[in-house]
């Protein structure tokens, strides 16, 4: 990301079948208060949105919710 800061993100709603596509540029934050505020973080990635597309009900199959990952608690409150 330091050499080529362009990035794409994909978010899938497995219950509704929606997909969110995001493109943009990134910035790596190596140190400072922002990094230390997230337990266990060594650096952060800031994403600057260029374009986004939402496609509703595009997945042909659906999943049901079971539970959140137990590892989410380690990220702290944000």
N, C-alpha and C. Protein backbone atom coordinates (compact mmCIF):
# COMPACT_ATOMS: atom_id res chain seq x y z
N UNK A 1 0.81 -1.20 0.00
CA UNK A 1 0.00 0.00 0.00
C UNK A 1 0.85 1.26 0.00
N UNK A 2 2.05 1.15 0.51
CA UNK A 2 2.94 2.30 0.49
C UNK A 2 3.37 2.63 -0.94
N UNK A 3 3.65 1.60 -1.73
CA UNK A 3 4.10 1.80 -3.11
C UNK A 3 2.95 2.07 -4.07
N UNK A 4 1.82 1.40 -3.85
CA UNK A 4 0.65 1.54 -4.72
C UNK A 4 -0.58 1.65 -3.82
N UNK A 5 -0.99 2.86 -3.48
CA UNK A 5 -2.02 3.06 -2.46
C UNK A 5 -3.46 2.80 -2.90
N UNK A 6 -3.67 2.36 -4.11
CA UNK A 6 -5.04 2.08 -4.57
C UNK A 6 -5.52 0.77 -3.96
N UNK A 7 -6.79 0.74 -3.55
CA UNK A 7 -7.32 -0.47 -2.92
C UNK A 7 -8.79 -0.63 -3.26
N UNK A 8 -9.23 -1.86 -3.16
CA UNK A 8 -10.64 -2.18 -3.32
C UNK A 8 -11.10 -2.98 -2.11
N UNK A 9 -12.28 -2.69 -1.62
CA UNK A 9 -12.85 -3.40 -0.49
C UNK A 9 -14.17 -4.02 -0.92
N UNK A 10 -14.45 -5.19 -0.39
CA UNK A 10 -15.68 -5.90 -0.70
C UNK A 10 -16.36 -6.28 0.60
N UNK A 11 -17.60 -5.85 0.78
CA UNK A 11 -18.38 -6.19 1.97
C UNK A 11 -19.60 -6.98 1.53
N UNK A 12 -19.80 -8.13 2.15
CA UNK A 12 -20.89 -9.02 1.77
C UNK A 12 -21.87 -9.14 2.92
N UNK A 13 -23.14 -8.91 2.63
CA UNK A 13 -24.21 -9.15 3.59
C UNK A 13 -24.74 -10.54 3.29
N UNK A 14 -24.29 -11.53 4.06
CA UNK A 14 -24.63 -12.91 3.78
C UNK A 14 -26.09 -13.23 4.06
N UNK A 15 -26.75 -12.41 4.86
CA UNK A 15 -28.15 -12.67 5.18
C UNK A 15 -29.07 -12.13 4.09
N UNK A 16 -28.86 -10.88 3.65
CA UNK A 16 -29.70 -10.26 2.63
C UNK A 16 -29.22 -10.54 1.21
N UNK A 17 -27.93 -10.91 1.06
CA UNK A 17 -27.38 -11.15 -0.26
C UNK A 17 -26.88 -9.90 -0.96
N UNK A 18 -26.73 -8.80 -0.22
CA UNK A 18 -26.23 -7.55 -0.80
C UNK A 18 -24.70 -7.55 -0.84
N UNK A 19 -24.15 -6.84 -1.81
CA UNK A 19 -22.70 -6.68 -1.92
C UNK A 19 -22.39 -5.20 -2.06
N UNK A 20 -21.36 -4.75 -1.33
CA UNK A 20 -20.90 -3.37 -1.40
C UNK A 20 -19.45 -3.38 -1.89
N UNK A 21 -19.23 -2.73 -3.04
CA UNK A 21 -17.89 -2.62 -3.62
C UNK A 21 -17.40 -1.19 -3.39
N UNK A 22 -16.19 -1.05 -2.84
CA UNK A 22 -15.60 0.27 -2.62
C UNK A 22 -14.21 0.32 -3.24
N UNK A 23 -13.89 1.44 -3.89
CA UNK A 23 -12.54 1.66 -4.39
C UNK A 23 -12.04 2.99 -3.84
N UNK A 24 -10.74 3.07 -3.66
CA UNK A 24 -10.19 4.31 -3.14
C UNK A 24 -8.69 4.23 -2.97
N UNK A 25 -8.17 5.19 -2.24
CA UNK A 25 -6.75 5.25 -1.95
C UNK A 25 -6.55 5.05 -0.45
N UNK A 26 -5.39 4.51 -0.11
CA UNK A 26 -5.10 4.21 1.28
C UNK A 26 -3.95 5.04 1.81
N UNK A 27 -3.89 5.09 3.11
CA UNK A 27 -2.81 5.78 3.81
C UNK A 27 -2.46 4.91 5.01
N UNK A 28 -1.20 4.55 5.16
CA UNK A 28 -0.76 3.74 6.30
C UNK A 28 -0.36 4.67 7.44
N UNK A 29 -0.93 4.43 8.61
CA UNK A 29 -0.59 5.20 9.82
C UNK A 29 0.27 4.28 10.68
N UNK A 30 1.54 4.60 10.77
CA UNK A 30 2.51 3.71 11.42
C UNK A 30 2.56 3.86 12.94
N UNK A 31 2.26 5.04 13.46
CA UNK A 31 2.36 5.24 14.91
C UNK A 31 1.53 6.44 15.32
N UNK A 32 1.44 6.64 16.63
CA UNK A 32 0.71 7.79 17.15
C UNK A 32 -0.48 7.38 18.00
N UNK A 33 -1.23 8.37 18.45
CA UNK A 33 -2.38 8.13 19.32
C UNK A 33 -3.44 7.27 18.67
N UNK A 34 -3.65 7.46 17.37
CA UNK A 34 -4.66 6.66 16.68
C UNK A 34 -4.33 5.17 16.74
N UNK A 35 -3.07 4.83 16.53
CA UNK A 35 -2.66 3.43 16.55
C UNK A 35 -2.74 2.86 17.97
N UNK A 36 -2.27 3.60 18.95
CA UNK A 36 -2.27 3.10 20.33
C UNK A 36 -3.67 2.97 20.91
N UNK A 37 -4.67 3.60 20.31
CA UNK A 37 -6.03 3.49 20.83
C UNK A 37 -6.69 2.16 20.49
N UNK A 38 -6.09 1.37 19.59
CA UNK A 38 -6.61 0.04 19.24
C UNK A 38 -5.69 -1.01 19.83
N UNK A 39 -6.21 -1.78 20.77
CA UNK A 39 -5.41 -2.79 21.45
C UNK A 39 -4.81 -3.77 20.45
N UNK A 40 -3.50 -3.93 20.51
CA UNK A 40 -2.82 -4.89 19.65
C UNK A 40 -2.47 -4.39 18.26
N UNK A 41 -2.90 -3.19 17.89
CA UNK A 41 -2.62 -2.68 16.55
C UNK A 41 -1.16 -2.25 16.43
N UNK A 42 -0.56 -2.56 15.30
CA UNK A 42 0.80 -2.11 15.01
C UNK A 42 0.81 -0.96 14.01
N UNK A 43 -0.22 -0.89 13.20
CA UNK A 43 -0.44 0.23 12.29
C UNK A 43 -1.91 0.23 11.89
N UNK A 44 -2.35 1.30 11.27
CA UNK A 44 -3.73 1.42 10.79
C UNK A 44 -3.71 1.74 9.31
N UNK A 45 -4.80 1.42 8.65
CA UNK A 45 -4.97 1.78 7.25
C UNK A 45 -6.16 2.74 7.17
N UNK A 46 -5.92 3.92 6.65
CA UNK A 46 -7.01 4.88 6.42
C UNK A 46 -7.40 4.75 4.95
N UNK A 47 -8.69 4.63 4.72
CA UNK A 47 -9.22 4.43 3.37
C UNK A 47 -9.98 5.68 2.94
N UNK A 48 -9.58 6.26 1.81
CA UNK A 48 -10.24 7.43 1.24
C UNK A 48 -11.08 6.97 0.05
N UNK A 49 -12.38 7.03 0.20
CA UNK A 49 -13.31 6.51 -0.81
C UNK A 49 -13.28 7.32 -2.10
N UNK A 50 -13.18 6.61 -3.22
CA UNK A 50 -13.29 7.23 -4.54
C UNK A 50 -14.64 6.91 -5.16
N UNK A 51 -15.00 5.63 -5.17
CA UNK A 51 -16.30 5.19 -5.71
C UNK A 51 -16.83 4.04 -4.89
N UNK A 52 -18.14 3.92 -4.89
CA UNK A 52 -18.79 2.80 -4.22
C UNK A 52 -20.02 2.36 -4.98
N UNK A 53 -20.25 1.05 -4.96
CA UNK A 53 -21.41 0.47 -5.63
C UNK A 53 -22.07 -0.53 -4.69
N UNK A 54 -23.38 -0.43 -4.57
CA UNK A 54 -24.13 -1.41 -3.78
C UNK A 54 -25.03 -2.17 -4.72
N UNK A 55 -24.94 -3.48 -4.64
CA UNK A 55 -25.78 -4.34 -5.47
C UNK A 55 -26.66 -5.15 -4.52
N UNK A 56 -27.95 -4.93 -4.57
CA UNK A 56 -28.86 -5.58 -3.63
C UNK A 56 -29.28 -6.95 -4.12
N UNK A 57 -29.40 -7.86 -3.17
CA UNK A 57 -29.89 -9.23 -3.41
C UNK A 57 -29.17 -9.90 -4.58
N UNK A 58 -27.86 -9.73 -4.66
CA UNK A 58 -27.13 -10.27 -5.81
C UNK A 58 -26.56 -11.67 -5.58
N UNK A 59 -26.46 -12.11 -4.33
CA UNK A 59 -25.95 -13.45 -4.08
C UNK A 59 -27.05 -14.48 -4.28
N UNK A 60 -26.76 -15.57 -4.97
CA UNK A 60 -27.79 -16.57 -5.24
C UNK A 60 -28.13 -17.44 -4.03
N UNK A 61 -27.27 -17.45 -3.01
CA UNK A 61 -27.56 -18.24 -1.81
C UNK A 61 -27.48 -17.34 -0.59
N UNK A 62 -28.06 -17.79 0.53
CA UNK A 62 -28.08 -17.00 1.75
C UNK A 62 -27.54 -17.84 2.91
N UNK A 63 -27.04 -17.13 3.92
CA UNK A 63 -26.57 -17.77 5.14
C UNK A 63 -27.36 -17.20 6.30
N UNK A 64 -27.34 -17.87 7.42
CA UNK A 64 -28.02 -17.34 8.60
C UNK A 64 -26.96 -16.95 9.64
N UNK A 65 -27.32 -16.00 10.47
CA UNK A 65 -26.41 -15.49 11.50
C UNK A 65 -26.31 -16.50 12.63
N UNK A 66 -25.09 -16.73 13.11
CA UNK A 66 -24.88 -17.62 14.24
C UNK A 66 -24.42 -16.82 15.45
N UNK A 67 -23.24 -16.22 15.36
CA UNK A 67 -22.72 -15.41 16.46
C UNK A 67 -21.54 -14.58 15.96
N UNK A 68 -21.22 -13.51 16.69
CA UNK A 68 -20.05 -12.71 16.37
C UNK A 68 -18.78 -13.48 16.75
N UNK A 69 -17.70 -13.18 16.08
CA UNK A 69 -16.41 -13.80 16.38
C UNK A 69 -15.97 -13.39 17.78
N UNK A 70 -15.45 -14.33 18.57
CA UNK A 70 -14.96 -13.98 19.90
C UNK A 70 -13.72 -13.07 19.85
N UNK A 71 -13.06 -12.99 18.71
CA UNK A 71 -11.86 -12.16 18.57
C UNK A 71 -12.20 -10.68 18.44
N UNK A 72 -13.46 -10.33 18.19
CA UNK A 72 -13.85 -8.93 18.07
C UNK A 72 -13.64 -8.16 19.36
N UNK A 73 -13.77 -8.82 20.49
CA UNK A 73 -13.60 -8.15 21.78
C UNK A 73 -12.19 -7.59 21.94
N UNK A 74 -11.20 -8.21 21.31
CA UNK A 74 -9.81 -7.77 21.42
C UNK A 74 -9.55 -6.44 20.72
N UNK A 75 -10.43 -6.04 19.82
CA UNK A 75 -10.21 -4.79 19.09
C UNK A 75 -10.62 -3.57 19.89
N UNK A 76 -11.24 -3.77 21.03
CA UNK A 76 -11.63 -2.65 21.87
C UNK A 76 -12.93 -2.02 21.41
N UNK A 77 -13.22 -0.87 21.94
CA UNK A 77 -14.45 -0.15 21.62
C UNK A 77 -14.16 0.94 20.60
N UNK A 78 -14.79 0.88 19.45
CA UNK A 78 -14.61 1.89 18.41
C UNK A 78 -15.90 2.13 17.75
